[in-house]
Protein backbone atom coordinates (compact mmCIF):
# COMPACT_ATOMS: atom_id res chain seq x y z
CA MET A 1 -4.37 -22.65 -11.95
CA THR A 2 -3.08 -19.31 -13.27
CA ILE A 3 -2.79 -16.08 -11.30
CA LEU A 4 -2.79 -12.53 -12.69
CA VAL A 5 -0.93 -9.91 -10.65
CA ILE A 6 -1.61 -6.28 -11.49
CA ALA A 7 1.67 -4.37 -11.34
CA GLU A 8 1.96 -0.95 -9.75
CA HIS A 9 4.47 1.37 -11.40
CA ASP A 10 5.18 4.95 -12.42
CA HIS A 11 5.35 3.96 -16.13
CA ARG A 12 9.12 3.53 -15.87
CA HIS A 13 9.83 1.70 -12.62
CA LEU A 14 7.96 -0.99 -10.73
CA LYS A 15 6.81 0.01 -7.27
CA SER A 16 7.84 -2.23 -4.39
CA ALA A 17 4.18 -3.13 -3.76
CA THR A 18 4.30 -5.35 -6.86
CA ARG A 19 6.95 -7.59 -5.29
CA HIS A 20 4.91 -7.94 -2.10
CA VAL A 21 1.81 -8.95 -4.07
CA LEU A 22 3.93 -11.39 -6.06
CA SER A 23 4.93 -13.10 -2.80
CA ALA A 24 1.24 -13.53 -2.00
CA ALA A 25 0.68 -14.98 -5.47
CA HIS A 26 3.49 -17.49 -4.92
CA ALA A 27 1.81 -18.50 -1.65
CA VAL A 28 -1.35 -19.32 -3.62
CA GLY A 29 0.67 -21.41 -6.10
CA GLY A 30 0.38 -22.00 -9.82
CA ASP A 31 1.57 -20.05 -12.86
CA VAL A 32 1.92 -16.33 -12.26
CA HIS A 33 1.43 -13.67 -14.93
CA ILE A 34 1.93 -9.93 -14.38
CA LEU A 35 -0.03 -7.21 -16.14
CA VAL A 36 1.83 -3.95 -16.71
CA ALA A 37 -0.74 -1.42 -17.92
CA GLY A 38 0.13 2.19 -18.66
CA HIS A 39 1.56 4.50 -21.29
CA SER A 40 5.20 4.33 -22.44
CA CYS A 41 5.69 1.74 -19.72
CA SER A 42 8.01 -0.73 -21.48
CA PRO A 43 10.80 -0.17 -18.92
CA ALA A 44 8.45 -1.28 -16.12
CA ALA A 45 7.49 -4.35 -18.14
CA GLU A 46 11.14 -5.25 -18.66
CA ALA A 47 11.71 -4.99 -14.91
CA ALA A 48 8.70 -7.26 -14.33
CA ARG A 49 10.22 -9.89 -16.62
CA THR A 50 13.12 -10.39 -14.20
CA LEU A 51 10.93 -11.02 -11.14
CA PRO A 52 11.28 -14.61 -9.88
CA GLY A 53 8.52 -17.12 -10.50
CA VAL A 54 6.79 -15.10 -13.23
CA THR A 55 6.09 -17.01 -16.45
CA GLN A 56 4.56 -14.23 -18.54
CA VAL A 57 4.37 -10.43 -18.53
CA LEU A 58 1.43 -8.83 -20.32
CA LEU A 59 2.17 -5.32 -21.58
CA ALA A 60 -0.77 -3.01 -22.25
CA ASP A 61 0.72 0.24 -23.51
CA HIS A 62 -1.92 2.81 -24.45
CA VAL A 63 -2.56 6.47 -23.82
CA SER A 64 -5.93 5.64 -22.23
CA LEU A 65 -4.06 3.89 -19.39
CA THR A 66 -1.87 6.86 -18.48
CA ALA A 67 -3.88 7.82 -15.39
CA ASP A 68 -4.60 4.39 -13.84
CA GLY A 69 -8.29 5.20 -14.16
CA ALA A 70 -10.66 2.66 -12.64
CA GLU A 71 -12.84 2.47 -15.75
CA ASN A 72 -10.16 1.83 -18.38
CA LEU A 73 -7.95 -0.36 -16.22
CA GLY A 74 -10.94 -2.25 -14.87
CA HIS A 75 -12.26 -2.85 -18.39
CA LEU A 76 -8.88 -4.26 -19.44
CA VAL A 77 -8.61 -6.59 -16.44
CA LEU A 78 -12.19 -7.72 -16.98
CA ARG A 79 -11.32 -8.68 -20.56
CA LEU A 80 -8.37 -10.79 -19.36
CA ALA A 81 -10.16 -12.31 -16.34
CA PRO A 82 -11.64 -15.47 -17.96
CA SER A 83 -8.12 -16.84 -18.44
CA TYR A 84 -7.31 -16.73 -14.71
CA THR A 85 -8.36 -18.37 -11.46
CA HIS A 86 -7.04 -15.51 -9.29
CA ILE A 87 -6.57 -11.77 -9.83
CA LEU A 88 -4.34 -10.09 -7.24
CA SER A 89 -3.58 -6.42 -6.65
CA ALA A 90 -2.15 -4.35 -3.83
CA SER A 91 -4.65 -2.95 -1.37
CA SER A 92 -3.54 0.55 -2.37
CA ALA A 93 -5.29 3.60 -3.76
CA VAL A 94 -5.00 2.13 -7.26
CA GLY A 95 -6.13 -1.35 -6.24
CA LYS A 96 -9.03 0.00 -4.23
CA SER A 97 -10.21 2.00 -7.22
CA PHE A 98 -10.51 -0.65 -9.95
CA MET A 99 -10.64 -4.04 -8.22
CA PRO A 100 -14.17 -3.60 -6.77
CA ARG A 101 -15.32 -2.68 -10.27
CA VAL A 102 -13.78 -5.87 -11.67
CA ALA A 103 -15.36 -8.01 -8.94
CA ALA A 104 -18.78 -6.45 -9.44
CA LEU A 105 -18.74 -6.93 -13.20
CA LEU A 106 -17.59 -10.54 -12.76
CA ASP A 107 -20.38 -11.01 -10.18
CA VAL A 108 -17.95 -12.36 -7.57
CA ALA A 109 -17.14 -11.26 -4.03
CA GLN A 110 -13.90 -9.34 -3.65
CA ILE A 111 -11.69 -10.53 -0.79
CA SER A 112 -10.02 -7.40 0.50
CA ASP A 113 -6.79 -6.66 2.31
CA ILE A 114 -5.61 -10.22 2.92
CA VAL A 115 -2.73 -10.82 5.32
CA ARG A 116 -2.35 -14.58 4.85
CA VAL A 117 -3.01 -17.26 2.23
CA ASP A 118 -4.43 -20.35 3.93
CA ALA A 119 -5.33 -22.28 0.75
CA THR A 120 -6.02 -21.52 -2.88
CA ASP A 121 -9.60 -20.59 -1.93
CA THR A 122 -9.15 -19.49 1.69
CA PHE A 123 -7.61 -16.28 2.99
CA THR A 124 -7.22 -14.40 6.27
CA ARG A 125 -8.00 -10.70 6.54
CA PRO A 126 -8.41 -8.23 9.42
CA ILE A 127 -11.83 -6.88 10.37
CA TYR A 128 -13.05 -4.29 12.90
CA ALA A 129 -9.90 -2.18 12.45
CA GLY A 130 -7.67 -5.19 13.07
CA ALA A 131 -9.32 -6.19 16.33
CA LEU A 132 -10.34 -9.55 14.85
CA TRP A 133 -9.16 -11.84 12.06
CA ALA A 134 -11.59 -13.37 9.58
CA THR A 135 -10.88 -16.52 7.61
CA VAL A 136 -12.69 -16.21 4.30
CA HIS A 137 -13.45 -19.19 2.07
CA THR A 138 -14.71 -18.57 -1.46
CA GLN A 139 -16.23 -20.82 -4.09
CA ASP A 140 -16.17 -18.15 -6.81
CA PRO A 141 -14.57 -19.39 -10.03
CA ILE A 142 -12.35 -16.28 -10.20
CA LYS A 143 -10.90 -15.00 -6.95
CA VAL A 144 -10.53 -11.20 -6.90
CA VAL A 145 -8.14 -10.41 -4.06
CA THR A 146 -6.40 -7.30 -2.75
CA VAL A 147 -3.27 -7.78 -0.66
CA ARG A 148 -2.04 -5.87 2.37
CA VAL A 149 1.53 -5.47 1.17
CA THR A 150 3.02 -5.07 4.64
CA ALA A 151 1.88 -8.59 5.52
CA PHE A 152 4.05 -10.27 2.86
CA GLU A 153 7.80 -10.03 2.38
CA ALA A 154 8.85 -8.59 -0.96
CA CYS A 155 10.28 -11.14 -3.37
CA ALA A 156 13.67 -10.61 -5.00
CA GLU A 157 13.99 -8.11 -7.84
CA THR A 158 15.82 -10.48 -10.15
CA GLY A 159 15.98 -14.18 -10.96
CA GLY A 160 13.23 -14.57 -13.52
CA HIS A 161 13.12 -14.70 -17.31
CA ALA A 162 9.45 -14.25 -18.20
CA ALA A 163 8.12 -13.97 -21.71
CA LEU A 164 6.77 -10.58 -22.79
CA THR A 165 3.37 -10.55 -24.50
CA PRO A 166 2.02 -7.24 -25.81
CA ILE A 167 -1.74 -6.65 -25.70
CA PRO A 168 -2.37 -5.05 -29.09
CA GLU A 169 -5.85 -3.65 -28.61
CA VAL A 170 -6.75 -1.56 -25.58
CA ALA A 171 -10.20 0.01 -25.61
CA GLU A 172 -11.06 3.47 -24.30
CA SER A 173 -14.13 3.19 -22.09
CA GLY A 174 -15.14 6.80 -22.62
CA LEU A 175 -16.50 6.92 -19.06
CA SER A 176 -13.91 9.27 -17.61
CA THR A 177 -10.98 11.43 -18.59
CA ARG A 178 -8.16 12.91 -16.57
CA GLN A 179 -8.29 16.70 -16.51
CA SER A 180 -5.18 17.33 -14.45
CA ILE A 181 -2.83 15.69 -11.99
CA ALA A 182 -0.92 17.12 -9.02
CA LEU A 183 1.94 15.01 -7.74
CA SER A 184 3.65 15.59 -4.42
CA VAL A 185 7.41 15.32 -4.85
CA SER A 186 9.56 14.29 -1.92
CA THR A 187 13.11 13.08 -1.42
CA ARG A 188 11.98 11.07 1.62
CA PRO A 189 11.27 7.32 1.46
CA GLU A 190 7.83 6.23 0.30
CA LEU A 191 5.62 5.97 3.39
CA GLU A 192 4.27 2.45 2.79
CA GLY A 193 7.71 0.94 2.23
CA ALA A 194 9.82 2.98 4.66
CA ARG A 195 11.97 1.27 7.29
CA VAL A 196 11.47 4.20 9.69
CA VAL A 197 8.34 6.35 10.02
CA VAL A 198 7.92 9.49 12.14
CA SER A 199 4.25 10.41 12.60
CA GLY A 200 2.58 13.36 14.24
CA GLY A 201 -0.90 13.93 15.59
CA ARG A 202 -3.24 16.55 16.94
CA GLY A 203 -0.95 17.16 19.91
CA LEU A 204 1.53 19.03 17.73
CA GLY A 205 -0.91 21.92 17.60
CA SER A 206 -0.25 23.33 14.13
CA ALA A 207 1.25 22.67 10.71
CA GLU A 208 4.17 24.92 11.64
CA ARG A 209 4.98 22.87 14.75
CA TYR A 210 4.67 19.64 12.77
CA LYS A 211 7.26 20.88 10.31
CA GLU A 212 9.51 22.45 12.94
CA LEU A 213 9.60 19.42 15.25
CA LEU A 214 9.24 16.36 13.03
CA GLU A 215 11.14 17.19 9.85
CA PRO A 216 14.55 17.50 11.57
CA LEU A 217 13.93 14.21 13.40
CA ALA A 218 12.92 12.48 10.15
CA ASP A 219 16.00 13.90 8.41
CA LYS A 220 18.27 12.46 11.09
CA LEU A 221 16.64 9.03 10.81
CA GLN A 222 16.17 9.12 7.01
CA ALA A 223 12.53 8.42 7.77
CA ALA A 224 9.23 8.89 6.01
CA LEU A 225 6.74 11.30 7.54
CA GLY A 226 3.24 10.21 8.54
CA ALA A 227 0.29 11.56 10.47
CA SER A 228 -2.91 10.63 12.23
CA ARG A 229 -6.25 11.38 10.63
CA ALA A 230 -6.80 14.19 13.12
CA ALA A 231 -3.60 15.91 11.95
CA VAL A 232 -4.66 15.54 8.32
CA ASP A 233 -8.18 16.82 9.00
CA LEU A 234 -6.74 19.84 10.79
CA GLY A 235 -4.60 20.64 7.75
CA TYR A 236 -1.19 20.00 9.30
CA VAL A 237 -0.16 17.78 6.37
CA PRO A 238 -1.62 16.47 3.05
CA ASN A 239 -3.89 13.43 2.86
CA ASP A 240 -1.15 11.16 1.55
CA TYR A 241 0.60 11.37 4.95
CA GLN A 242 -2.30 9.67 6.74
CA VAL A 243 -1.58 6.37 8.48
CA GLY A 244 -4.52 4.25 9.57
CA GLN A 245 -7.56 2.29 8.54
CA THR A 246 -8.66 4.98 6.08
CA GLY A 247 -5.09 5.92 5.17
CA LYS A 248 -1.95 3.91 4.55
CA ILE A 249 -0.97 0.68 6.27
CA VAL A 250 2.68 0.64 7.34
CA ALA A 251 4.92 -1.91 9.03
CA PRO A 252 8.34 -0.28 9.44
CA ASP A 253 11.19 -1.44 11.63
CA LEU A 254 10.68 1.70 13.75
CA TYR A 255 7.53 3.81 14.16
CA ILE A 256 7.72 7.00 16.23
CA ALA A 257 4.32 8.44 17.19
CA VAL A 258 4.48 12.04 18.41
CA GLY A 259 1.40 13.65 19.91
CA ILE A 260 -0.85 10.82 18.71
CA SER A 261 -3.51 9.61 21.14
CA GLY A 262 -3.90 6.18 19.55
CA ALA A 263 -7.42 5.95 18.14
CA ILE A 264 -8.24 2.43 17.00
CA GLN A 265 -8.35 3.55 13.35
CA HIS A 266 -4.77 4.78 13.60
CA LEU A 267 -3.55 1.70 15.45
CA ALA A 268 -4.95 -0.47 12.67
CA GLY A 269 -2.49 1.15 10.27
CA MET A 270 0.72 0.93 12.28
CA LYS A 271 0.59 -1.64 15.06
CA SER A 272 2.45 -4.19 12.93
CA ALA A 273 5.61 -2.07 13.20
CA ARG A 274 8.51 -3.98 14.68
CA VAL A 275 9.29 -1.30 17.30
CA ILE A 276 6.85 1.45 18.32
CA VAL A 277 7.96 4.54 20.23
CA ALA A 278 5.29 6.90 21.60
CA ILE A 279 5.76 10.43 22.92
CA ASN A 280 2.67 11.92 24.57
CA SER A 281 1.94 14.10 27.58
CA ASP A 282 -1.12 12.02 28.54
CA PRO A 283 -0.12 8.86 30.44
CA GLU A 284 -3.56 7.35 29.71
CA ALA A 285 -3.23 7.73 25.93
CA ALA A 286 -4.18 4.55 24.08
CA ILE A 287 -1.00 4.68 22.00
CA PHE A 288 0.93 3.45 25.05
CA THR A 289 -0.98 0.14 24.96
CA VAL A 290 0.83 -0.85 21.76
CA ALA A 291 4.11 1.03 22.27
CA ASP A 292 7.33 -0.84 23.01
CA TYR A 293 8.79 2.36 24.44
CA GLY A 294 6.68 5.17 25.82
CA LEU A 295 7.73 8.63 26.97
CA VAL A 296 5.27 10.72 28.97
CA ALA A 297 6.59 14.20 28.30
CA ASP A 298 5.97 17.53 26.62
CA LEU A 299 6.70 16.86 22.96
CA ASN A 300 7.85 20.47 22.49
CA SER A 301 10.93 19.72 24.57
CA ALA A 302 11.25 15.95 24.17
CA VAL A 303 11.40 15.88 20.36
CA PRO A 304 14.16 18.51 19.99
CA GLU A 305 16.16 16.76 22.71
CA LEU A 306 15.76 13.42 20.88
CA THR A 307 16.78 15.00 17.58
CA ALA A 308 19.84 16.62 19.14
CA ALA A 309 20.90 13.32 20.73
CA LEU A 310 20.90 11.42 17.43
């Protein structure tokens, strides 16, 4: 039994999601290989070689893989698939783009967003926005699985000595090309891996109030900033701030929800946080059902007072 883990990286450094997926792969058992696919990504491949429990790192370095496009990356994984019993990727924007394509072309059922490995062919995943858990058993010869990274502890960064195997021929699918890319640059922690997250919702009232109230609090706590879907839809913050079923899944040590009512879609993305603090003027808000600490107050006064007290 051999498992292929698809690494996530920025072409120079591995992203922490890779180490979480690797922990899931170790729970499955068997030999673990990692695919590092990109352009000028040798440094990321060298970092992957030191991950514990990895026996081989496959390096696909080609200009066609610069953009993590679903077509080119999916075509590459499809080519490698017959050598593996399991293919694992993070349940991230990248994983969600190419893994369904791989599963469809292999004619197997993708098992999405797993939170537990029960056996080599049996996995647990949330359904109905996390209200229920489903145990999924598959008889497919190749298991195509995406992993909810917050459900698995990240493995160590060092301890391994894997062999490096270059993939000499990488085909260009010709199905899509990248015209441009716009990257948001921030000195704050990455939202999905942050230990502390400060999120705002519709109750903040405007993008200006979001920035004025939450950024100083996040600076004091060295926290990542998040938001509900309502706040994103209203234009308070960009899409990549969204926490929830259709956004990012987070499980920080501390999650502070400001002006968030607690729609089930949002709760699905953050209720695994170790400690949840909610600030809302509505005592009946659903967010209080999952909060460890709740403050019924006007956020316009409560948040500055909290920031000043830190």
